[in-house]
């Protein structure tokens, strides 16, 4: 009998082959190294991604997770001066 990890990996691989997950342009994070990047190319069982600094990394599909981009955008907006009545925050 297969364990849960093997079943999850097979299901993820099948979804990837059908084009349901990990397509070009998605923002991902490697669970092994912690690197974040945008998918440049998606292979059969791996992805090649480019980080914001321009570095490329390759990761197996089983080691990749999607990154929720809206959370990152909202954090940046909350710290901007537009949402602080035009005042910038000062550290004390």
PDB file of N, CA and C in Angstrom:
ATOM      1  N   UNK A   1       0.830  -1.179   0.000  1.00  0.00           N
ATOM      2  CA  UNK A   1       0.000   0.000   0.000  1.00  0.00           C
ATOM      3  C   UNK A   1       0.880   1.249   0.000  1.00  0.00           C
ATOM      4  N   UNK A   2       0.490   2.236  -0.783  1.00  0.00           N
ATOM      5  CA  UNK A   2       1.267   3.469  -0.891  1.00  0.00           C
ATOM      6  C   UNK A   2       0.944   4.397   0.274  1.00  0.00           C
ATOM      7  N   UNK A   3       1.947   5.133   0.702  1.00  0.00           N
ATOM      8  CA  UNK A   3       1.685   6.083   1.765  1.00  0.00           C
ATOM      9  C   UNK A   3       1.120   7.390   1.181  1.00  0.00           C
ATOM     10  N   UNK A   4       0.681   8.252   2.060  1.00  0.00           N
ATOM     11  CA  UNK A   4       0.007   9.477   1.639  1.00  0.00           C
ATOM     12  C   UNK A   4       0.915  10.372   0.798  1.00  0.00           C
ATOM     13  N   UNK A   5       2.191  10.437   1.144  1.00  0.00           N
ATOM     14  CA  UNK A   5       3.128  11.292   0.407  1.00  0.00           C
ATOM     15  C   UNK A   5       3.224  10.870  -1.058  1.00  0.00           C
ATOM     16  N   UNK A   6       3.321   9.569  -1.295  1.00  0.00           N
ATOM     17  CA  UNK A   6       3.399   9.067  -2.677  1.00  0.00           C
ATOM     18  C   UNK A   6       2.123   9.375  -3.450  1.00  0.00           C
ATOM     19  N   UNK A   7       0.963   9.184  -2.809  1.00  0.00           N
ATOM     20  CA  UNK A   7      -0.309   9.485  -3.472  1.00  0.00           C
ATOM     21  C   UNK A   7      -0.415  10.967  -3.809  1.00  0.00           C
ATOM     22  N   UNK A   8       0.009  11.836  -2.871  1.00  0.00           N
ATOM     23  CA  UNK A   8      -0.028  13.276  -3.101  1.00  0.00           C
ATOM     24  C   UNK A   8       0.871  13.673  -4.270  1.00  0.00           C
ATOM     25  N   UNK A   9       2.079  13.108  -4.309  1.00  0.00           N
ATOM     26  CA  UNK A   9       3.014  13.409  -5.389  1.00  0.00           C
ATOM     27  C   UNK A   9       2.468  12.965  -6.743  1.00  0.00           C
ATOM     28  N   UNK A  10       1.857  11.775  -6.804  1.00  0.00           N
ATOM     29  CA  UNK A  10       1.284  11.293  -8.055  1.00  0.00           C
ATOM     30  C   UNK A  10       0.115  12.169  -8.506  1.00  0.00           C
ATOM     31  N   UNK A  11      -0.736  12.579  -7.570  1.00  0.00           N
ATOM     32  CA  UNK A  11      -1.873  13.439  -7.910  1.00  0.00           C
ATOM     33  C   UNK A  11      -1.391  14.806  -8.397  1.00  0.00           C
ATOM     34  N   UNK A  12      -0.382  15.354  -7.725  1.00  0.00           N
ATOM     35  CA  UNK A  12       0.175  16.641  -8.126  1.00  0.00           C
ATOM     36  C   UNK A  12       0.806  16.557  -9.510  1.00  0.00           C
ATOM     37  N   UNK A  13       1.531  15.479  -9.774  1.00  0.00           N
ATOM     38  CA  UNK A  13       2.163  15.283 -11.079  1.00  0.00           C
ATOM     39  C   UNK A  13       1.104  15.178 -12.181  1.00  0.00           C
ATOM     40  N   UNK A  14       0.027  14.466 -11.896  1.00  0.00           N
ATOM     41  CA  UNK A  14      -1.042  14.324 -12.888  1.00  0.00           C
ATOM     42  C   UNK A  14      -1.741  15.663 -13.148  1.00  0.00           C
ATOM     43  N   UNK A  15      -1.999  16.444 -12.103  1.00  0.00           N
ATOM     44  CA  UNK A  15      -2.597  17.769 -12.281  1.00  0.00           C
ATOM     45  C   UNK A  15      -1.681  18.662 -13.103  1.00  0.00           C
ATOM     46  N   UNK A  16      -0.377  18.569 -12.874  1.00  0.00           N
ATOM     47  CA  UNK A  16       0.592  19.374 -13.612  1.00  0.00           C
ATOM     48  C   UNK A  16       0.587  18.997 -15.097  1.00  0.00           C
ATOM     49  N   UNK A  17       0.539  17.720 -15.388  1.00  0.00           N
ATOM     50  CA  UNK A  17       0.503  17.275 -16.788  1.00  0.00           C
ATOM     51  C   UNK A  17      -0.734  17.780 -17.514  1.00  0.00           C
ATOM     52  N   UNK A  18      -1.851  17.889 -16.795  1.00  0.00           N
ATOM     53  CA  UNK A  18      -3.093  18.367 -17.398  1.00  0.00           C
ATOM     54  C   UNK A  18      -3.125  19.886 -17.507  1.00  0.00           C
ATOM     55  N   UNK A  19      -2.145  20.551 -16.927  1.00  0.00           N
ATOM     56  CA  UNK A  19      -2.075  22.004 -17.016  1.00  0.00           C
ATOM     57  C   UNK A  19      -2.900  22.733 -15.976  1.00  0.00           C
ATOM     58  N   UNK A  20      -3.285  22.032 -14.908  1.00  0.00           N
ATOM     59  CA  UNK A  20      -4.098  22.647 -13.861  1.00  0.00           C
ATOM     60  C   UNK A  20      -3.273  23.462 -12.870  1.00  0.00           C
ATOM     61  N   UNK A  21      -2.039  23.083 -12.624  1.00  0.00           N
ATOM     62  CA  UNK A  21      -1.190  23.778 -11.645  1.00  0.00           C
ATOM     63  C   UNK A  21       0.181  24.053 -12.250  1.00  0.00           C
ATOM     64  N   UNK A  22       0.863  25.033 -11.705  1.00  0.00           N
ATOM     65  CA  UNK A  22       2.229  25.396 -12.065  1.00  0.00           C
ATOM     66  C   UNK A  22       2.395  25.685 -13.559  1.00  0.00           C
ATOM     67  N   UNK A  23       1.789  26.772 -13.994  1.00  0.00           N
ATOM     68  CA  UNK A  23       1.938  27.218 -15.374  1.00  0.00           C
ATOM     69  C   UNK A  23       2.866  28.440 -15.400  1.00  0.00           C
ATOM     70  N   UNK A  24       3.369  28.777 -16.572  1.00  0.00           N
ATOM     71  CA  UNK A  24       4.281  29.908 -16.702  1.00  0.00           C
ATOM     72  C   UNK A  24       3.628  31.180 -16.177  1.00  0.00           C
ATOM     73  N   UNK A  25       4.390  31.935 -15.392  1.00  0.00           N
ATOM     74  CA  UNK A  25       3.897  33.176 -14.822  1.00  0.00           C
ATOM     75  C   UNK A  25       3.423  33.060 -13.389  1.00  0.00           C
ATOM     76  N   UNK A  26       3.216  31.844 -12.890  1.00  0.00           N
ATOM     77  CA  UNK A  26       2.801  31.658 -11.494  1.00  0.00           C
ATOM     78  C   UNK A  26       3.965  31.980 -10.559  1.00  0.00           C
ATOM     79  N   UNK A  27       3.657  32.534  -9.406  1.00  0.00           N
ATOM     80  CA  UNK A  27       4.672  32.809  -8.391  1.00  0.00           C
ATOM     81  C   UNK A  27       4.729  31.611  -7.452  1.00  0.00           C
ATOM     82  N   UNK A  28       5.942  31.079  -7.261  1.00  0.00           N
ATOM     83  CA  UNK A  28       6.128  29.874  -6.465  1.00  0.00           C
ATOM     84  C   UNK A  28       7.229  30.071  -5.437  1.00  0.00           C
ATOM     85  N   UNK A  29       7.316  29.115  -4.520  1.00  0.00           N
ATOM     86  CA  UNK A  29       8.400  29.087  -3.551  1.00  0.00           C
ATOM     87  C   UNK A  29       8.873  27.646  -3.402  1.00  0.00           C
ATOM     88  N   UNK A  30      10.175  27.460  -3.376  1.00  0.00           N
ATOM     89  CA  UNK A  30      10.736  26.131  -3.156  1.00  0.00           C
ATOM     90  C   UNK A  30      10.673  25.822  -1.670  1.00  0.00           C
ATOM     91  N   UNK A  31      10.087  24.686  -1.315  1.00  0.00           N
ATOM     92  CA  UNK A  31       9.996  24.322   0.096  1.00  0.00           C
ATOM     93  C   UNK A  31      11.331  23.830   0.635  1.00  0.00           C
ATOM     94  N   UNK A  32      12.273  23.522  -0.236  1.00  0.00           N
ATOM     95  CA  UNK A  32      13.595  23.057   0.188  1.00  0.00           C
ATOM     96  C   UNK A  32      14.509  24.236   0.506  1.00  0.00           C
ATOM     97  N   UNK A  33      14.622  25.180  -0.430  1.00  0.00           N
ATOM     98  CA  UNK A  33      15.558  26.296  -0.273  1.00  0.00           C
ATOM     99  C   UNK A  33      14.899  27.582   0.202  1.00  0.00           C
ATOM    100  N   UNK A  34      13.586  27.718   0.013  1.00  0.00           N
ATOM    101  CA  UNK A  34      12.897  28.942   0.409  1.00  0.00           C
ATOM    102  C   UNK A  34      12.940  30.035  -0.641  1.00  0.00           C
ATOM    103  N   UNK A  35      13.528  29.741  -1.807  1.00  0.00           N
ATOM    104  CA  UNK A  35      13.609  30.742  -2.873  1.00  0.00           C
ATOM    105  C   UNK A  35      12.226  30.980  -3.477  1.00  0.00           C
ATOM    106  N   UNK A  36      11.932  32.252  -3.784  1.00  0.00           N
ATOM    107  CA  UNK A  36      10.670  32.602  -4.426  1.00  0.00           C
ATOM    108  C   UNK A  36      10.971  33.104  -5.826  1.00  0.00           C
ATOM    109  N   UNK A  37      10.075  32.796  -6.755  1.00  0.00           N
ATOM    110  CA  UNK A  37      10.273  33.251  -8.122  1.00  0.00           C
ATOM    111  C   UNK A  37       9.050  33.011  -8.979  1.00  0.00           C
ATOM    112  N   UNK A  38       9.147  33.491 -10.212  1.00  0.00           N
ATOM    113  CA  UNK A  38       8.089  33.328 -11.200  1.00  0.00           C
ATOM    114  C   UNK A  38       8.481  32.210 -12.147  1.00  0.00           C
ATOM    115  N   UNK A  39       7.546  31.329 -12.442  1.00  0.00           N
ATOM    116  CA  UNK A  39       7.842  30.193 -13.316  1.00  0.00           C
ATOM    117  C   UNK A  39       8.160  30.695 -14.716  1.00  0.00           C
ATOM    118  N   UNK A  40       9.331  30.317 -15.209  1.00  0.00           N
ATOM    119  CA  UNK A  40       9.769  30.656 -16.564  1.00  0.00           C
ATOM    120  C   UNK A  40       9.439  29.521 -17.527  1.00  0.00           C
ATOM    121  N   UNK A  41       9.641  28.291 -17.062  1.00  0.00           N
ATOM    122  CA  UNK A  41       9.357  27.110 -17.882  1.00  0.00           C
ATOM    123  C   UNK A  41       8.922  25.982 -16.966  1.00  0.00           C
ATOM    124  N   UNK A  42       7.928  25.244 -17.406  1.00  0.00           N
ATOM    125  CA  UNK A  42       7.447  24.096 -16.638  1.00  0.00           C
ATOM    126  C   UNK A  42       7.698  22.831 -17.436  1.00  0.00           C
ATOM    127  N   UNK A  43       8.492  21.937 -16.864  1.00  0.00           N
ATOM    128  CA  UNK A  43       8.761  20.655 -17.496  1.00  0.00           C
ATOM    129  C   UNK A  43       7.751  19.614 -17.049  1.00  0.00           C
ATOM    130  N   UNK A  44       8.059  18.356 -17.323  1.00  0.00           N
ATOM    131  CA  UNK A  44       7.149  17.272 -16.979  1.00  0.00           C
ATOM    132  C   UNK A  44       7.022  17.112 -15.465  1.00  0.00           C
ATOM    133  N   UNK A  45       8.144  17.135 -14.753  1.00  0.00           N
ATOM    134  CA  UNK A  45       8.089  16.975 -13.304  1.00  0.00           C
ATOM    135  C   UNK A  45       8.951  18.003 -12.563  1.00  0.00           C
ATOM    136  N   UNK A  46       9.258  19.115 -13.210  1.00  0.00           N
ATOM    137  CA  UNK A  46      10.060  20.175 -12.601  1.00  0.00           C
ATOM    138  C   UNK A  46       9.626  21.523 -13.155  1.00  0.00           C
ATOM    139  N   UNK A  47      10.062  22.579 -12.498  1.00  0.00           N
ATOM    140  CA  UNK A  47       9.850  23.937 -12.992  1.00  0.00           C
ATOM    141  C   UNK A  47      11.164  24.697 -12.923  1.00  0.00           C
ATOM    142  N   UNK A  48      11.323  25.638 -13.837  1.00  0.00           N
ATOM    143  CA  UNK A  48      12.450  26.567 -13.796  1.00  0.00           C
ATOM    144  C   UNK A  48      11.852  27.932 -13.500  1.00  0.00           C
ATOM    145  N   UNK A  49      12.356  28.573 -12.455  1.00  0.00           N
ATOM    146  CA  UNK A  49      11.809  29.859 -12.026  1.00  0.00           C
ATOM    147  C   UNK A  49      12.912  30.903 -11.960  1.00  0.00           C
ATOM    148  N   UNK A  50      12.498  32.160 -12.066  1.00  0.00           N
ATOM    149  CA  UNK A  50      13.420  33.288 -11.983  1.00  0.00           C
ATOM    150  C   UNK A  50      13.034  34.130 -10.772  1.00  0.00           C
ATOM    151  N   UNK A  51      14.007  34.411  -9.911  1.00  0.00           N
ATOM    152  CA  UNK A  51      13.752  35.225  -8.726  1.00  0.00           C
ATOM    153  C   UNK A  51      13.702  36.694  -9.124  1.00  0.00           C
ATOM    154  N   UNK A  52      13.315  37.566  -8.171  1.00  0.00           N
ATOM    155  CA  UNK A  52      13.258  38.995  -8.445  1.00  0.00           C
ATOM    156  C   UNK A  52      14.636  39.567  -8.750  1.00  0.00           C
ATOM    157  N   UNK A  53      15.692  38.962  -8.200  1.00  0.00           N
ATOM    158  CA  UNK A  53      17.047  39.438  -8.457  1.00  0.00           C
ATOM    159  C   UNK A  53      17.612  38.917  -9.776  1.00  0.00           C
ATOM    160  N   UNK A  54      16.843  38.070 -10.485  1.00  0.00           N
ATOM    161  CA  UNK A  54      17.265  37.579 -11.793  1.00  0.00           C
ATOM    162  C   UNK A  54      17.948  36.230 -11.777  1.00  0.00           C
ATOM    163  N   UNK A  55      18.080  35.615 -10.616  1.00  0.00           N
ATOM    164  CA  UNK A  55      18.692  34.291 -10.526  1.00  0.00           C
ATOM    165  C   UNK A  55      17.683  33.225 -10.931  1.00  0.00           C
ATOM    166  N   UNK A  56      18.162  32.177 -11.582  1.00  0.00           N
ATOM    167  CA  UNK A  56      17.302  31.061 -11.980  1.00  0.00           C
ATOM    168  C   UNK A  56      17.511  29.909 -11.010  1.00  0.00           C
ATOM    169  N   UNK A  57      16.426  29.207 -10.730  1.00  0.00           N
ATOM    170  CA  UNK A  57      16.550  27.981  -9.959  1.00  0.00           C
ATOM    171  C   UNK A  57      15.580  26.953 -10.512  1.00  0.00           C
ATOM    172  N   UNK A  58      15.926  25.703 -10.286  1.00  0.00           N
ATOM    173  CA  UNK A  58      15.130  24.588 -10.776  1.00  0.00           C
ATOM    174  C   UNK A  58      14.673  23.776  -9.575  1.00  0.00           C
ATOM    175  N   UNK A  59      13.409  23.381  -9.571  1.00  0.00           N
ATOM    176  CA  UNK A  59      12.881  22.624  -8.441  1.00  0.00           C
ATOM    177  C   UNK A  59      11.925  21.548  -8.936  1.00  0.00           C
ATOM    178  N   UNK A  60      11.893  20.456  -8.216  1.00  0.00           N
ATOM    179  CA  UNK A  60      10.935  19.400  -8.514  1.00  0.00           C
ATOM    180  C   UNK A  60       9.544  19.886  -8.151  1.00  0.00           C
ATOM    181  N   UNK A  61       8.552  19.420  -8.854  1.00  0.00           N
ATOM    182  CA  UNK A  61       7.176  19.834  -8.604  1.00  0.00           C
ATOM    183  C   UNK A  61       6.742  19.477  -7.187  1.00  0.00           C
ATOM    184  N   UNK A  62       7.200  18.342  -6.679  1.00  0.00           N
ATOM    185  CA  UNK A  62       6.813  17.936  -5.330  1.00  0.00           C
ATOM    186  C   UNK A  62       7.372  18.869  -4.261  1.00  0.00           C
ATOM    187  N   UNK A  63       8.396  19.660  -4.593  1.00  0.00           N
ATOM    188  CA  UNK A  63       9.031  20.559  -3.635  1.00  0.00           C
ATOM    189  C   UNK A  63       8.628  22.016  -3.827  1.00  0.00           C
ATOM    190  N   UNK A  64       7.589  22.284  -4.611  1.00  0.00           N
ATOM    191  CA  UNK A  64       7.193  23.656  -4.938  1.00  0.00           C
ATOM    192  C   UNK A  64       5.815  23.944  -4.367  1.00  0.00           C
ATOM    193  N   UNK A  65       5.648  25.168  -3.881  1.00  0.00           N
ATOM    194  CA  UNK A  65       4.358  25.620  -3.358  1.00  0.00           C
ATOM    195  C   UNK A  65       4.009  26.953  -4.004  1.00  0.00           C
ATOM    196  N   UNK A  66       2.706  27.191  -4.190  1.00  0.00           N
ATOM    197  CA  UNK A  66       2.252  28.479  -4.724  1.00  0.00           C
ATOM    198  C   UNK A  66       2.407  29.559  -3.654  1.00  0.00           C
ATOM    199  N   UNK A  67       2.689  30.783  -4.102  1.00  0.00           N
ATOM    200  CA  UNK A  67       2.774  31.923  -3.205  1.00  0.00           C
ATOM    201  C   UNK A  67       1.578  32.813  -3.468  1.00  0.00           C
ATOM    202  N   UNK A  68       0.897  33.231  -2.410  1.00  0.00           N
ATOM    203  CA  UNK A  68      -0.257  34.110  -2.546  1.00  0.00           C
ATOM    204  C   UNK A  68       0.252  35.539  -2.729  1.00  0.00           C
ATOM    205  N   UNK A  69       0.181  36.042  -3.949  1.00  0.00           N
ATOM    206  CA  UNK A  69       0.735  37.353  -4.286  1.00  0.00           C
ATOM    207  C   UNK A  69      -0.073  38.480  -3.669  1.00  0.00           C
ATOM    208  N   UNK A  70      -1.374  38.332  -3.493  1.00  0.00           N
ATOM    209  CA  UNK A  70      -2.204  39.416  -2.965  1.00  0.00           C
ATOM    210  C   UNK A  70      -1.827  39.762  -1.534  1.00  0.00           C
ATOM    211  N   UNK A  71      -1.401  38.786  -0.724  1.00  0.00           N
ATOM    212  CA  UNK A  71      -0.957  39.090   0.637  1.00  0.00           C
ATOM    213  C   UNK A  71       0.273  39.982   0.618  1.00  0.00           C
ATOM    214  N   UNK A  72       1.212  39.696  -0.261  1.00  0.00           N
ATOM    215  CA  UNK A  72       2.426  40.498  -0.367  1.00  0.00           C
ATOM    216  C   UNK A  72       2.089  41.915  -0.815  1.00  0.00           C
ATOM    217  N   UNK A  73       1.210  42.053  -1.786  1.00  0.00           N
ATOM    218  CA  UNK A  73       0.829  43.367  -2.289  1.00  0.00           C
ATOM    219  C   UNK A  73       0.133  44.166  -1.202  1.00  0.00           C
ATOM    220  N   UNK A  74      -0.764  43.539  -0.449  1.00  0.00           N
ATOM    221  CA  UNK A  74      -1.482  44.242   0.609  1.00  0.00           C
ATOM    222  C   UNK A  74      -0.545  44.706   1.712  1.00  0.00           C
ATOM    223  N   UNK A  75       0.471  43.926   2.062  1.00  0.00           N
ATOM    224  CA  UNK A  75       1.431  44.345   3.081  1.00  0.00           C
ATOM    225  C   UNK A  75       2.197  45.577   2.616  1.00  0.00           C
ATOM    226  N   UNK A  76       2.577  45.617   1.338  1.00  0.00           N
ATOM    227  CA  UNK A  76       3.298  46.769   0.807  1.00  0.00           C
ATOM    228  C   UNK A  76       2.406  48.005   0.782  1.00  0.00           C
ATOM    229  N   UNK A  77       1.142  47.836   0.460  1.00  0.00           N
ATOM    230  CA  UNK A  77       0.223  48.966   0.407  1.00  0.00           C
ATOM    231  C   UNK A  77      -0.009  49.560   1.791  1.00  0.00           C
ATOM    232  N   UNK A  78      -0.145  48.705   2.793  1.00  0.00           N
ATOM    233  CA  UNK A  78      -0.415  49.194   4.139  1.00  0.00           C
ATOM    234  C   UNK A  78       0.734  50.029   4.677  1.00  0.00           C
ATOM    235  N   UNK A  79       1.945  49.746   4.252  1.00  0.00           N
ATOM    236  CA  UNK A  79       3.089  50.505   4.747  1.00  0.00           C
ATOM    237  C   UNK A  79       3.376  51.748   3.909  1.00  0.00           C
ATOM    238  N   UNK A  80       2.655  51.960   2.816  1.00  0.00           N
ATOM    239  CA  UNK A  80       2.911  53.135   1.987  1.00  0.00           C
ATOM    240  C   UNK A  80       2.286  54.377   2.610  1.00  0.00           C
ATOM    241  N   UNK A  81       2.752  55.547   2.183  1.00  0.00           N
ATOM    242  CA  UNK A  81       2.288  56.806   2.769  1.00  0.00           C
ATOM    243  C   UNK A  81       0.855  57.137   2.342  1.00  0.00           C
ATOM    244  N   UNK A  82       0.362  56.540   1.285  1.00  0.00           N
ATOM    245  CA  UNK A  82      -1.001  56.811   0.831  1.00  0.00           C
ATOM    246  C   UNK A  82      -2.003  56.374   1.890  1.00  0.00           C
ATOM    247  N   UNK A  83      -1.740  55.244   2.551  1.00  0.00           N
ATOM    248  CA  UNK A  83      -2.672  54.718   3.529  1.00  0.00           C
ATOM    249  C   UNK A  83      -2.394  55.224   4.945  1.00  0.00           C
ATOM    250  N   UNK A  84      -1.466  56.133   5.085  1.00  0.00           N
ATOM    251  CA  UNK A  84      -1.145  56.713   6.395  1.00  0.00           C
ATOM    252  C   UNK A  84      -1.410  58.209   6.413  1.00  0.00           C
ATOM    253  N   UNK A  85      -2.404  58.660   5.670  1.00  0.00           N
ATOM    254  CA  UNK A  85      -2.774  60.077   5.574  1.00  0.00           C
ATOM    255  C   UNK A  85      -1.620  60.939   5.104  1.00  0.00           C
ATOM    256  N   UNK A  86      -0.798  60.404   4.226  1.00  0.00           N
ATOM    257  CA  UNK A  86       0.318  61.161   3.652  1.00  0.00           C
ATOM    258  C   UNK A  86       1.514  61.272   4.552  1.00  0.00           C
ATOM    259  N   UNK A  87       1.454  60.698   5.743  1.00  0.00           N
ATOM    260  CA  UNK A  87       2.579  60.751   6.686  1.00  0.00           C
ATOM    261  C   UNK A  87       3.378  59.464   6.586  1.00  0.00           C
ATOM    262  N   UNK A  88       4.658  59.597   6.639  1.00  0.00           N
ATOM    263  CA  UNK A  88       5.505  58.406   6.646  1.00  0.00           C
ATOM    264  C   UNK A  88       5.763  57.998   8.078  1.00  0.00           C
ATOM    265  N   UNK A  89       5.927  56.715   8.275  1.00  0.00           N
ATOM    266  CA  UNK A  89       6.185  56.212   9.614  1.00  0.00           C
ATOM    267  C   UNK A  89       7.622  56.511  10.002  1.00  0.00           C
ATOM    268  N   UNK A  90       7.805  56.889  11.228  1.00  0.00           N
ATOM    269  CA  UNK A  90       9.156  57.138  11.721  1.00  0.00           C
ATOM    270  C   UNK A  90       9.438  56.152  12.849  1.00  0.00           C
ATOM    271  N   UNK A  91      10.671  55.680  12.893  1.00  0.00           N
ATOM    272  CA  UNK A  91      11.040  54.758  13.970  1.00  0.00           C
ATOM    273  C   UNK A  91      11.521  55.557  15.169  1.00  0.00           C
ATOM    274  N   UNK A  92      11.174  55.108  16.349  1.00  0.00           N
ATOM    275  CA  UNK A  92      11.554  55.828  17.565  1.00  0.00           C
ATOM    276  C   UNK A  92      12.596  55.101  18.333  1.00  0.00           C
TER     277      UNK A  92
END
